[in-house]
Amino acid sequence: MSGQQRNQIQIGATVDIVLKQDQRSGKLTRGVVKDLLTKSASHPHGIKVRLEDGQVGRVKNILTD
């Protein structure tokens, strides 16, 4: 699932994000969502989240169990 819709992302979900410094390379970082930072219902580049380890980036994939 892509991370463009805010209502699809739950706190505690495992996601792949792109960090700001990795936007050019597209390198993904996996982690667990702590906070949703984007207030709008959707965003074309992905919803911005903070992971439990403190890293901030835009969601590219939502991993399902």
N, C-alpha and C. Protein backbone atom coordinates (compact mmCIF):
# COMPACT_ATOMS: atom_id res chain seq x y z
N MET A 1 0.83 -1.18 0.00
CA MET A 1 0.00 0.00 0.00
C MET A 1 0.88 1.24 0.00
N SER A 2 0.51 2.22 -0.79
CA SER A 2 1.30 3.46 -0.81
C SER A 2 0.93 4.31 0.40
N GLY A 3 1.75 5.28 0.72
CA GLY A 3 1.54 6.10 1.91
C GLY A 3 1.02 7.47 1.62
N GLN A 4 0.16 7.62 0.60
CA GLN A 4 -0.32 8.94 0.23
C GLN A 4 -1.60 9.36 0.94
N GLN A 5 -2.30 8.43 1.55
CA GLN A 5 -3.55 8.73 2.26
C GLN A 5 -3.32 8.62 3.77
N ARG A 6 -3.62 9.70 4.49
CA ARG A 6 -3.38 9.74 5.94
C ARG A 6 -4.18 8.68 6.69
N ASN A 7 -5.42 8.41 6.24
CA ASN A 7 -6.27 7.47 6.96
C ASN A 7 -5.81 6.02 6.84
N GLN A 8 -4.86 5.72 5.97
CA GLN A 8 -4.34 4.36 5.81
C GLN A 8 -3.18 4.07 6.76
N ILE A 9 -2.65 5.11 7.41
CA ILE A 9 -1.46 4.95 8.25
C ILE A 9 -1.87 5.03 9.72
N GLN A 10 -1.57 3.99 10.46
CA GLN A 10 -1.90 3.94 11.88
C GLN A 10 -0.62 4.07 12.70
N ILE A 11 -0.72 4.69 13.87
CA ILE A 11 0.40 4.72 14.80
C ILE A 11 0.67 3.28 15.23
N GLY A 12 1.94 2.89 15.20
CA GLY A 12 2.32 1.52 15.52
C GLY A 12 2.49 0.65 14.29
N ALA A 13 2.14 1.17 13.10
CA ALA A 13 2.28 0.40 11.86
C ALA A 13 3.75 0.39 11.42
N THR A 14 4.16 -0.69 10.77
CA THR A 14 5.50 -0.77 10.19
C THR A 14 5.43 -0.22 8.77
N VAL A 15 6.33 0.72 8.46
CA VAL A 15 6.32 1.40 7.17
C VAL A 15 7.74 1.54 6.62
N ASP A 16 7.83 1.77 5.32
CA ASP A 16 9.08 2.17 4.68
C ASP A 16 8.96 3.66 4.37
N ILE A 17 9.97 4.44 4.79
CA ILE A 17 9.96 5.88 4.52
C ILE A 17 11.21 6.28 3.75
N VAL A 18 11.14 7.45 3.11
CA VAL A 18 12.31 8.07 2.49
C VAL A 18 12.68 9.26 3.35
N LEU A 19 13.90 9.25 3.88
CA LEU A 19 14.41 10.37 4.66
C LEU A 19 14.75 11.52 3.71
N LYS A 20 14.78 12.74 4.22
CA LYS A 20 15.07 13.93 3.40
C LYS A 20 16.40 13.76 2.65
N GLN A 21 17.44 13.28 3.35
CA GLN A 21 18.75 13.16 2.70
C GLN A 21 18.80 12.01 1.69
N ASP A 22 17.80 11.13 1.69
CA ASP A 22 17.77 9.99 0.77
C ASP A 22 16.80 10.20 -0.39
N GLN A 23 16.22 11.39 -0.52
CA GLN A 23 15.22 11.60 -1.57
C GLN A 23 15.78 11.41 -2.97
N ARG A 24 17.01 11.83 -3.21
CA ARG A 24 17.62 11.67 -4.54
C ARG A 24 17.86 10.21 -4.88
N SER A 25 18.35 9.45 -3.91
CA SER A 25 18.67 8.04 -4.17
C SER A 25 17.44 7.15 -4.05
N GLY A 26 16.44 7.58 -3.29
CA GLY A 26 15.25 6.77 -3.10
C GLY A 26 15.43 5.65 -2.08
N LYS A 27 16.52 5.70 -1.30
CA LYS A 27 16.79 4.68 -0.28
C LYS A 27 15.68 4.68 0.77
N LEU A 28 15.16 3.48 1.07
CA LEU A 28 14.07 3.35 2.03
C LEU A 28 14.60 2.96 3.41
N THR A 29 13.92 3.46 4.43
CA THR A 29 14.23 3.15 5.83
C THR A 29 12.98 2.56 6.44
N ARG A 30 13.11 1.42 7.10
CA ARG A 30 11.96 0.75 7.71
C ARG A 30 11.88 1.07 9.19
N GLY A 31 10.65 1.27 9.67
CA GLY A 31 10.46 1.55 11.08
C GLY A 31 9.00 1.52 11.47
N VAL A 32 8.74 1.83 12.73
CA VAL A 32 7.39 1.82 13.29
C VAL A 32 6.95 3.26 13.53
N VAL A 33 5.74 3.60 13.08
CA VAL A 33 5.22 4.96 13.17
C VAL A 33 4.94 5.35 14.63
N LYS A 34 5.50 6.50 15.02
CA LYS A 34 5.24 7.06 16.35
C LYS A 34 4.25 8.22 16.24
N ASP A 35 4.46 9.13 15.26
CA ASP A 35 3.60 10.31 15.08
C ASP A 35 3.33 10.53 13.60
N LEU A 36 2.12 11.02 13.30
CA LEU A 36 1.79 11.49 11.96
C LEU A 36 2.02 13.00 11.94
N LEU A 37 2.86 13.48 11.04
CA LEU A 37 3.22 14.90 11.01
C LEU A 37 2.45 15.69 9.96
N THR A 38 2.00 15.04 8.88
CA THR A 38 1.21 15.72 7.86
C THR A 38 -0.22 15.84 8.35
N LYS A 39 -0.76 17.05 8.31
CA LYS A 39 -2.13 17.28 8.81
C LYS A 39 -3.19 17.05 7.74
N SER A 40 -2.85 17.22 6.46
CA SER A 40 -3.84 17.07 5.40
C SER A 40 -4.18 15.59 5.19
N ALA A 41 -5.32 15.33 4.55
CA ALA A 41 -5.81 13.96 4.35
C ALA A 41 -4.95 13.17 3.39
N SER A 42 -4.27 13.87 2.47
CA SER A 42 -3.41 13.17 1.51
C SER A 42 -2.25 14.08 1.10
N HIS A 43 -1.21 13.45 0.55
CA HIS A 43 -0.06 14.20 0.05
C HIS A 43 0.54 13.40 -1.10
N PRO A 44 0.82 14.04 -2.24
CA PRO A 44 1.30 13.30 -3.42
C PRO A 44 2.66 12.62 -3.23
N HIS A 45 3.49 13.11 -2.31
CA HIS A 45 4.81 12.51 -2.10
C HIS A 45 4.84 11.58 -0.89
N GLY A 46 3.69 11.41 -0.23
CA GLY A 46 3.62 10.55 0.94
C GLY A 46 3.41 11.35 2.21
N ILE A 47 2.73 10.73 3.16
CA ILE A 47 2.46 11.36 4.45
C ILE A 47 3.75 11.39 5.27
N LYS A 48 4.06 12.52 5.87
CA LYS A 48 5.27 12.65 6.68
C LYS A 48 5.00 12.09 8.07
N VAL A 49 5.91 11.22 8.53
CA VAL A 49 5.77 10.59 9.85
C VAL A 49 7.08 10.65 10.61
N ARG A 50 6.99 10.48 11.94
CA ARG A 50 8.16 10.30 12.79
C ARG A 50 8.14 8.85 13.25
N LEU A 51 9.27 8.17 13.10
CA LEU A 51 9.38 6.79 13.55
C LEU A 51 9.71 6.75 15.03
N GLU A 52 9.58 5.57 15.64
CA GLU A 52 9.88 5.43 17.07
C GLU A 52 11.32 5.77 17.41
N ASP A 53 12.24 5.61 16.43
CA ASP A 53 13.65 5.94 16.68
C ASP A 53 13.96 7.42 16.42
N GLY A 54 12.92 8.23 16.08
CA GLY A 54 13.09 9.66 15.92
C GLY A 54 13.32 10.13 14.49
N GLN A 55 13.52 9.22 13.55
CA GLN A 55 13.74 9.62 12.16
C GLN A 55 12.43 10.11 11.55
N VAL A 56 12.53 11.12 10.66
CA VAL A 56 11.36 11.71 10.02
C VAL A 56 11.49 11.55 8.51
N GLY A 57 10.40 11.13 7.88
CA GLY A 57 10.41 10.99 6.43
C GLY A 57 9.00 10.78 5.91
N ARG A 58 8.91 10.62 4.58
CA ARG A 58 7.61 10.42 3.93
C ARG A 58 7.39 8.94 3.64
N VAL A 59 6.18 8.48 3.94
CA VAL A 59 5.84 7.06 3.79
C VAL A 59 5.75 6.69 2.31
N LYS A 60 6.45 5.63 1.94
CA LYS A 60 6.39 5.10 0.58
C LYS A 60 5.64 3.78 0.54
N ASN A 61 5.75 2.96 1.58
CA ASN A 61 5.06 1.67 1.64
C ASN A 61 4.55 1.45 3.06
N ILE A 62 3.34 0.89 3.14
CA ILE A 62 2.80 0.45 4.41
C ILE A 62 2.85 -1.07 4.39
N LEU A 63 3.55 -1.65 5.35
CA LEU A 63 3.70 -3.10 5.37
C LEU A 63 2.57 -3.73 6.16
N THR A 64 1.98 -4.77 5.58
CA THR A 64 0.87 -5.46 6.24
C THR A 64 1.35 -6.81 6.75
N ASP A 65 0.74 -7.27 7.80
CA ASP A 65 1.11 -8.55 8.39
C ASP A 65 0.60 -9.72 7.58
